[in-house]
N, C-alpha and C. Protein backbone atom coordinates (compact mmCIF):
# COMPACT_ATOMS: atom_id res chain seq x y z
N PRO A 1 7.17 -15.36 15.03
CA PRO A 1 6.13 -15.96 14.20
C PRO A 1 6.66 -17.08 13.31
N GLY A 2 7.90 -16.97 12.84
CA GLY A 2 8.45 -17.98 11.95
C GLY A 2 8.57 -19.35 12.60
N ILE A 3 9.01 -19.38 13.84
CA ILE A 3 9.14 -20.64 14.56
C ILE A 3 7.77 -21.27 14.76
N THR A 4 6.77 -20.45 15.05
CA THR A 4 5.41 -20.95 15.23
C THR A 4 4.87 -21.53 13.93
N VAL A 5 5.15 -20.86 12.82
CA VAL A 5 4.72 -21.36 11.50
C VAL A 5 5.34 -22.73 11.23
N ILE A 6 6.63 -22.84 11.46
CA ILE A 6 7.33 -24.11 11.21
C ILE A 6 6.76 -25.21 12.11
N PHE A 7 6.57 -24.90 13.38
CA PHE A 7 6.05 -25.89 14.33
C PHE A 7 4.65 -26.35 13.93
N LEU A 8 3.76 -25.40 13.67
CA LEU A 8 2.38 -25.75 13.34
C LEU A 8 2.28 -26.55 12.05
N LEU A 9 3.00 -26.14 11.03
CA LEU A 9 2.95 -26.88 9.77
C LEU A 9 3.58 -28.26 9.92
N GLY A 10 4.68 -28.35 10.63
CA GLY A 10 5.34 -29.63 10.81
C GLY A 10 4.52 -30.62 11.63
N MET A 11 3.78 -30.11 12.60
CA MET A 11 2.99 -30.98 13.46
C MET A 11 1.64 -31.36 12.87
N PHE A 12 1.02 -30.44 12.16
CA PHE A 12 -0.38 -30.64 11.79
C PHE A 12 -0.66 -30.72 10.29
N TRP A 13 0.35 -30.61 9.45
CA TRP A 13 0.11 -30.67 8.02
C TRP A 13 1.13 -31.61 7.37
N SER A 14 0.67 -32.73 6.87
CA SER A 14 1.59 -33.74 6.35
C SER A 14 2.24 -33.32 5.03
N ARG A 15 1.70 -32.34 4.34
CA ARG A 15 2.28 -31.89 3.07
C ARG A 15 3.39 -30.86 3.25
N ALA A 16 3.67 -30.45 4.47
CA ALA A 16 4.72 -29.46 4.72
C ALA A 16 6.06 -30.00 4.26
N SER A 17 6.87 -29.13 3.67
CA SER A 17 8.18 -29.56 3.19
C SER A 17 9.28 -28.71 3.85
N GLU A 18 10.50 -29.18 3.70
CA GLU A 18 11.63 -28.43 4.25
C GLU A 18 11.77 -27.08 3.57
N ALA A 19 11.54 -27.05 2.26
CA ALA A 19 11.63 -25.78 1.52
C ALA A 19 10.58 -24.79 2.03
N GLY A 20 9.39 -25.27 2.33
CA GLY A 20 8.35 -24.41 2.88
C GLY A 20 8.72 -23.88 4.25
N ALA A 21 9.28 -24.74 5.09
CA ALA A 21 9.70 -24.32 6.42
C ALA A 21 10.79 -23.27 6.36
N LEU A 22 11.76 -23.48 5.50
CA LEU A 22 12.85 -22.52 5.35
C LEU A 22 12.32 -21.20 4.82
N THR A 23 11.42 -21.25 3.86
CA THR A 23 10.82 -20.03 3.31
C THR A 23 10.04 -19.28 4.39
N GLY A 24 9.28 -19.99 5.19
CA GLY A 24 8.52 -19.36 6.26
C GLY A 24 9.42 -18.68 7.28
N ALA A 25 10.52 -19.34 7.64
CA ALA A 25 11.44 -18.77 8.61
C ALA A 25 12.13 -17.53 8.06
N LEU A 26 12.62 -17.61 6.83
CA LEU A 26 13.29 -16.46 6.22
C LEU A 26 12.32 -15.30 6.00
N ALA A 27 11.12 -15.61 5.57
CA ALA A 27 10.11 -14.57 5.36
C ALA A 27 9.80 -13.87 6.68
N SER A 28 9.73 -14.62 7.76
CA SER A 28 9.45 -14.05 9.07
C SER A 28 10.53 -13.04 9.47
N VAL A 29 11.78 -13.40 9.28
CA VAL A 29 12.88 -12.50 9.63
C VAL A 29 12.86 -11.25 8.76
N LEU A 30 12.71 -11.44 7.46
CA LEU A 30 12.73 -10.30 6.55
C LEU A 30 11.54 -9.37 6.76
N LEU A 31 10.36 -9.93 6.95
CA LEU A 31 9.18 -9.10 7.19
C LEU A 31 9.29 -8.37 8.52
N SER A 32 9.82 -9.02 9.54
CA SER A 32 10.00 -8.36 10.83
C SER A 32 10.98 -7.20 10.72
N LEU A 33 12.04 -7.39 9.96
CA LEU A 33 12.99 -6.30 9.74
C LEU A 33 12.36 -5.15 8.97
N LEU A 34 11.51 -5.47 8.02
CA LEU A 34 10.82 -4.44 7.24
C LEU A 34 9.96 -3.57 8.15
N PHE A 35 9.26 -4.18 9.10
CA PHE A 35 8.44 -3.42 10.04
C PHE A 35 9.29 -2.65 11.05
N TRP A 36 10.42 -3.20 11.41
CA TRP A 36 11.26 -2.61 12.46
C TRP A 36 12.15 -1.48 11.97
N PHE A 37 12.63 -1.58 10.73
CA PHE A 37 13.65 -0.64 10.22
C PHE A 37 13.17 0.79 10.37
N PRO A 38 13.91 1.64 11.08
CA PRO A 38 13.47 3.01 11.37
C PRO A 38 13.28 3.86 10.11
N ALA A 39 12.28 4.70 10.14
CA ALA A 39 11.96 5.56 8.99
C ALA A 39 13.07 6.56 8.70
N ASP A 40 13.74 7.03 9.74
CA ASP A 40 14.80 8.02 9.51
C ASP A 40 16.05 7.40 8.90
N MET A 41 16.09 6.09 8.81
CA MET A 41 17.21 5.40 8.17
C MET A 41 16.78 4.75 6.85
N GLY A 42 15.66 5.19 6.31
CA GLY A 42 15.22 4.67 5.02
C GLY A 42 14.06 3.70 5.09
N GLY A 43 13.55 3.45 6.28
CA GLY A 43 12.41 2.56 6.43
C GLY A 43 11.11 3.25 6.07
N ILE A 44 10.02 2.57 6.25
CA ILE A 44 8.71 3.10 5.92
C ILE A 44 8.00 3.51 7.21
N ALA A 45 7.68 4.79 7.34
CA ALA A 45 7.10 5.32 8.58
C ALA A 45 5.76 4.67 8.90
N THR A 46 4.97 4.38 7.90
CA THR A 46 3.66 3.77 8.12
C THR A 46 3.80 2.39 8.78
N LEU A 47 4.81 1.63 8.34
CA LEU A 47 5.02 0.31 8.94
C LEU A 47 5.54 0.42 10.37
N ASN A 48 6.32 1.45 10.65
CA ASN A 48 6.83 1.64 12.01
C ASN A 48 5.72 1.97 13.00
N ASP A 49 4.61 2.52 12.52
CA ASP A 49 3.52 2.92 13.40
C ASP A 49 2.54 1.79 13.73
N VAL A 50 2.69 0.64 13.08
CA VAL A 50 1.80 -0.50 13.34
C VAL A 50 2.11 -1.07 14.73
N PRO A 51 1.09 -1.26 15.58
CA PRO A 51 1.35 -1.83 16.91
C PRO A 51 2.00 -3.21 16.82
N PHE A 52 2.79 -3.54 17.85
CA PHE A 52 3.59 -4.75 17.83
C PHE A 52 2.77 -6.02 17.60
N ILE A 53 1.67 -6.18 18.32
CA ILE A 53 0.89 -7.42 18.19
C ILE A 53 0.30 -7.54 16.79
N ASN A 54 -0.06 -6.42 16.19
CA ASN A 54 -0.56 -6.45 14.81
C ASN A 54 0.56 -6.80 13.84
N ARG A 55 1.76 -6.30 14.11
CA ARG A 55 2.92 -6.67 13.28
C ARG A 55 3.12 -8.18 13.29
N MET A 56 3.06 -8.75 14.48
CA MET A 56 3.29 -10.19 14.59
C MET A 56 2.20 -10.98 13.88
N ALA A 57 0.97 -10.51 13.94
CA ALA A 57 -0.12 -11.18 13.23
C ALA A 57 0.08 -11.11 11.72
N ILE A 58 0.52 -9.97 11.23
CA ILE A 58 0.76 -9.80 9.79
C ILE A 58 1.93 -10.67 9.35
N VAL A 59 3.02 -10.64 10.12
CA VAL A 59 4.21 -11.44 9.77
C VAL A 59 3.87 -12.93 9.83
N PHE A 60 3.13 -13.36 10.84
CA PHE A 60 2.72 -14.75 10.95
C PHE A 60 1.88 -15.17 9.75
N SER A 61 0.89 -14.36 9.41
CA SER A 61 -0.01 -14.70 8.29
C SER A 61 0.73 -14.79 6.97
N LEU A 62 1.57 -13.81 6.69
CA LEU A 62 2.31 -13.82 5.42
C LEU A 62 3.32 -14.97 5.37
N SER A 63 3.99 -15.23 6.49
CA SER A 63 4.94 -16.34 6.54
C SER A 63 4.24 -17.68 6.35
N LEU A 64 3.07 -17.83 6.98
CA LEU A 64 2.30 -19.05 6.84
C LEU A 64 1.85 -19.26 5.39
N LEU A 65 1.35 -18.20 4.77
CA LEU A 65 0.92 -18.31 3.37
C LEU A 65 2.08 -18.67 2.44
N LEU A 66 3.24 -18.05 2.66
CA LEU A 66 4.40 -18.36 1.83
C LEU A 66 4.88 -19.79 2.06
N ALA A 67 4.90 -20.24 3.29
CA ALA A 67 5.33 -21.60 3.59
C ALA A 67 4.39 -22.62 2.96
N ILE A 68 3.10 -22.37 3.02
CA ILE A 68 2.13 -23.27 2.40
C ILE A 68 2.30 -23.28 0.89
N ALA A 69 2.45 -22.10 0.30
CA ALA A 69 2.60 -22.01 -1.16
C ALA A 69 3.85 -22.76 -1.63
N VAL A 70 4.96 -22.57 -0.94
CA VAL A 70 6.20 -23.25 -1.34
C VAL A 70 6.07 -24.75 -1.11
N SER A 71 5.43 -25.16 -0.03
CA SER A 71 5.24 -26.59 0.22
C SER A 71 4.39 -27.24 -0.86
N LEU A 72 3.39 -26.52 -1.34
CA LEU A 72 2.55 -27.07 -2.40
C LEU A 72 3.26 -27.08 -3.74
N LEU A 73 4.09 -26.07 -3.99
CA LEU A 73 4.81 -26.00 -5.26
C LEU A 73 6.01 -26.94 -5.30
N ARG A 74 6.67 -27.13 -4.15
CA ARG A 74 7.83 -28.02 -4.07
C ARG A 74 7.60 -29.03 -2.96
N PRO A 75 6.88 -30.09 -3.25
CA PRO A 75 6.62 -31.08 -2.18
C PRO A 75 7.91 -31.77 -1.74
N ALA A 76 7.84 -32.35 -0.57
CA ALA A 76 8.99 -33.07 -0.02
C ALA A 76 9.35 -34.24 -0.92
N PRO A 77 10.65 -34.58 -1.05
CA PRO A 77 11.04 -35.73 -1.84
C PRO A 77 10.44 -37.02 -1.29
N ALA A 78 10.26 -38.00 -2.16
CA ALA A 78 9.67 -39.29 -1.76
C ALA A 78 10.51 -40.01 -0.72
N ALA A 79 11.82 -39.77 -0.72
CA ALA A 79 12.71 -40.45 0.20
C ALA A 79 12.74 -39.82 1.60
N ALA A 80 12.00 -38.73 1.79
CA ALA A 80 12.00 -38.06 3.09
C ALA A 80 11.40 -39.00 4.14
N SER A 81 12.05 -39.06 5.28
CA SER A 81 11.58 -39.95 6.34
C SER A 81 10.57 -39.23 7.20
N ARG A 82 9.33 -39.67 7.12
CA ARG A 82 8.25 -39.11 7.95
C ARG A 82 7.47 -40.26 8.56
N PRO A 83 7.18 -40.13 9.84
CA PRO A 83 6.39 -41.19 10.47
C PRO A 83 4.94 -41.14 10.07
């Protein structure tokens, strides 16, 4: 989901920033690990029971929201080269 977030924001939203892309990618990895981490090793059993496609939708949505929020809070520098 993180790569999709970065691609979609970079292609279709001119306000996307590098900080937002990095945040989206890191959030995707961390959220995926949160859903994956086994309950018997300290994870959350409820999150382990969520079907895979629903996990990906949740991770995508949260990563997208975080990337947008960070892009709006920290816009790209004026010297950034964008066509």
